[in-house]
Amino acid sequence: MAAELGVSAQQLAYWRRGREPVPKAVFLWLSHRSDTTLGKQFGPFWGFRLSRYGEALECPATGVRIPYDEIAMLPEYRRLSRLVKQQAELIERLMTERDFYQSNCHQQARVGWLINQIFPTDKD
């Protein structure tokens, strides 16, 4: 930490023990470094925290972790979700049409059989 701040280890020890007051710039830098909650500038991720090792974001409400690789894929996930819904609706519509045409075909076959029984075809 002393190397990051550009001070000696002795100076850092003085600040930690309270022997010398910590400069405001150092205090602000250290508080920013240790603060892992994202601010308003991060839009929809406002309030999210960085995970312990900084490899993912954690939702404060649910604790769900979002790896950084997946953040770039969010638009694709939304598009795929929409496609899944459209595909499910299409399959439902096709099944309904299949059932309608299947029952219609059976009905026409029964009617045709009855007509053939009433009016037999002449075989010469």
Protein backbone atom coordinates (compact mmCIF):
# COMPACT_ATOMS: atom_id res chain seq x y z
CA MET A 1 0.00 0.00 0.00
CA ALA A 2 2.88 2.34 0.76
CA ALA A 3 4.26 1.77 -2.75
CA GLU A 4 0.86 2.61 -4.27
CA LEU A 5 0.74 5.84 -2.28
CA GLY A 6 4.37 6.67 -2.99
CA VAL A 7 5.31 7.01 0.69
CA SER A 8 7.56 5.08 3.03
CA ALA A 9 6.28 2.25 5.17
CA GLN A 10 7.25 4.31 8.21
CA GLN A 11 4.97 7.17 7.11
CA LEU A 12 2.12 4.74 6.51
CA ALA A 13 2.62 3.30 10.00
CA TYR A 14 2.44 6.83 11.48
CA TRP A 15 -0.88 7.44 9.70
CA ARG A 16 -2.29 4.11 10.85
CA ARG A 17 -1.34 4.69 14.49
CA GLY A 18 -2.61 8.25 14.48
CA ARG A 19 0.77 9.82 15.20
CA GLU A 20 0.38 12.10 12.18
CA PRO A 21 -2.82 13.29 10.52
CA VAL A 22 -3.65 11.62 7.22
CA PRO A 23 -3.68 14.08 4.31
CA LYS A 24 -7.14 14.54 2.81
CA ALA A 25 -6.03 13.38 -0.66
CA VAL A 26 -4.65 10.14 0.80
CA PHE A 27 -7.80 9.59 2.85
CA LEU A 28 -10.03 10.12 -0.19
CA TRP A 29 -7.89 7.83 -2.35
CA LEU A 30 -7.92 5.06 0.26
CA SER A 31 -11.65 5.35 0.86
CA HIS A 32 -12.25 5.23 -2.91
CA ARG A 33 -9.96 2.20 -3.23
CA SER A 34 -11.75 0.31 -0.47
CA ASP A 35 -15.26 1.31 -1.56
CA THR A 36 -16.61 -1.41 -3.84
CA THR A 37 -20.15 -0.09 -4.34
CA LEU A 38 -20.84 1.33 -7.80
CA GLY A 39 -22.21 4.86 -7.99
CA LYS A 40 -25.02 6.45 -9.99
CA GLN A 41 -22.77 6.93 -13.00
CA PHE A 42 -22.97 3.16 -13.63
CA GLY A 43 -26.65 3.37 -14.59
CA PRO A 44 -28.51 0.07 -14.16
CA PHE A 45 -25.63 -1.33 -12.08
CA TRP A 46 -25.93 1.47 -9.51
CA GLY A 47 -25.62 0.00 -6.02
CA PHE A 48 -23.96 -3.22 -7.21
CA ARG A 49 -20.80 -4.27 -5.39
CA LEU A 50 -17.58 -5.69 -6.74
CA SER A 51 -16.99 -9.26 -5.64
CA ARG A 52 -14.27 -9.99 -3.15
CA TYR A 53 -11.61 -10.59 -5.80
CA GLY A 54 -13.04 -8.10 -8.29
CA GLU A 55 -13.96 -10.64 -10.99
CA ALA A 56 -17.72 -10.04 -10.95
CA LEU A 57 -20.52 -7.71 -9.87
CA GLU A 58 -22.88 -8.72 -7.05
CA CYS A 59 -26.48 -7.58 -6.86
CA PRO A 60 -27.14 -6.13 -3.38
CA ALA A 61 -30.76 -7.33 -3.32
CA THR A 62 -30.32 -10.94 -4.45
CA GLY A 63 -26.60 -11.62 -4.15
CA VAL A 64 -26.52 -12.85 -7.75
CA ARG A 65 -23.06 -12.59 -9.28
CA ILE A 66 -22.59 -11.33 -12.85
CA PRO A 67 -19.15 -12.07 -14.33
CA TYR A 68 -17.72 -9.25 -16.46
CA ASP A 69 -17.83 -11.43 -19.60
CA GLU A 70 -21.59 -11.74 -19.26
CA ILE A 71 -22.16 -8.00 -18.91
CA ALA A 72 -21.13 -7.55 -22.53
CA MET A 73 -23.60 -10.31 -23.48
CA LEU A 74 -26.68 -8.71 -21.83
CA PRO A 75 -28.10 -7.28 -25.11
CA GLU A 76 -27.71 -10.73 -26.70
CA TYR A 77 -29.45 -12.38 -23.72
CA ARG A 78 -32.38 -9.97 -24.07
CA ARG A 79 -32.63 -10.69 -27.80
CA LEU A 80 -32.50 -14.44 -27.20
CA SER A 81 -35.19 -14.21 -24.52
CA ARG A 82 -37.45 -12.38 -26.96
CA LEU A 83 -36.76 -15.02 -29.64
CA VAL A 84 -37.60 -17.84 -27.21
CA LYS A 85 -40.98 -16.24 -26.46
CA GLN A 86 -41.73 -15.77 -30.16
CA GLN A 87 -40.74 -19.36 -30.89
CA ALA A 88 -43.00 -20.69 -28.11
CA GLU A 89 -45.92 -18.66 -29.50
CA LEU A 90 -45.24 -19.98 -33.01
CA ILE A 91 -45.14 -23.59 -31.80
CA GLU A 92 -48.44 -23.10 -29.94
CA ARG A 93 -50.08 -21.63 -33.05
CA LEU A 94 -48.77 -24.46 -35.25
CA MET A 95 -50.05 -27.09 -32.82
CA THR A 96 -53.49 -25.46 -32.80
CA GLU A 97 -53.59 -25.36 -36.59
CA ARG A 98 -52.41 -28.97 -36.80
CA ASP A 99 -55.18 -30.11 -34.45
CA PHE A 100 -57.77 -28.13 -36.43
CA TYR A 101 -56.70 -29.57 -39.79
CA GLN A 102 -56.43 -33.07 -38.36
CA SER A 103 -60.00 -32.99 -37.00
CA ASN A 104 -61.23 -31.37 -40.21
CA CYS A 105 -59.57 -34.14 -42.26
CA HIS A 106 -61.18 -36.89 -40.11
CA GLN A 107 -64.57 -35.20 -40.40
CA GLN A 108 -64.30 -35.01 -44.20
CA ALA A 109 -63.21 -38.64 -44.35
CA ARG A 110 -66.29 -39.72 -42.32
CA VAL A 111 -68.60 -37.65 -44.50
CA GLY A 112 -67.01 -39.11 -47.64
CA TRP A 113 -67.46 -42.66 -46.30
CA LEU A 114 -71.16 -42.00 -45.56
CA ILE A 115 -71.72 -40.56 -49.04
CA ASN A 116 -70.01 -43.59 -50.58
CA GLN A 117 -72.29 -45.87 -48.52
CA ILE A 118 -75.42 -44.03 -49.68
CA PHE A 119 -74.36 -43.63 -53.26
CA PRO A 120 -72.04 -46.48 -54.13
CA THR A 121 -69.75 -45.96 -57.11
CA ASP A 122 -70.56 -48.05 -60.16
CA LYS A 123 -67.87 -50.51 -60.97
CA ASP A 124 -68.31 -51.89 -64.48
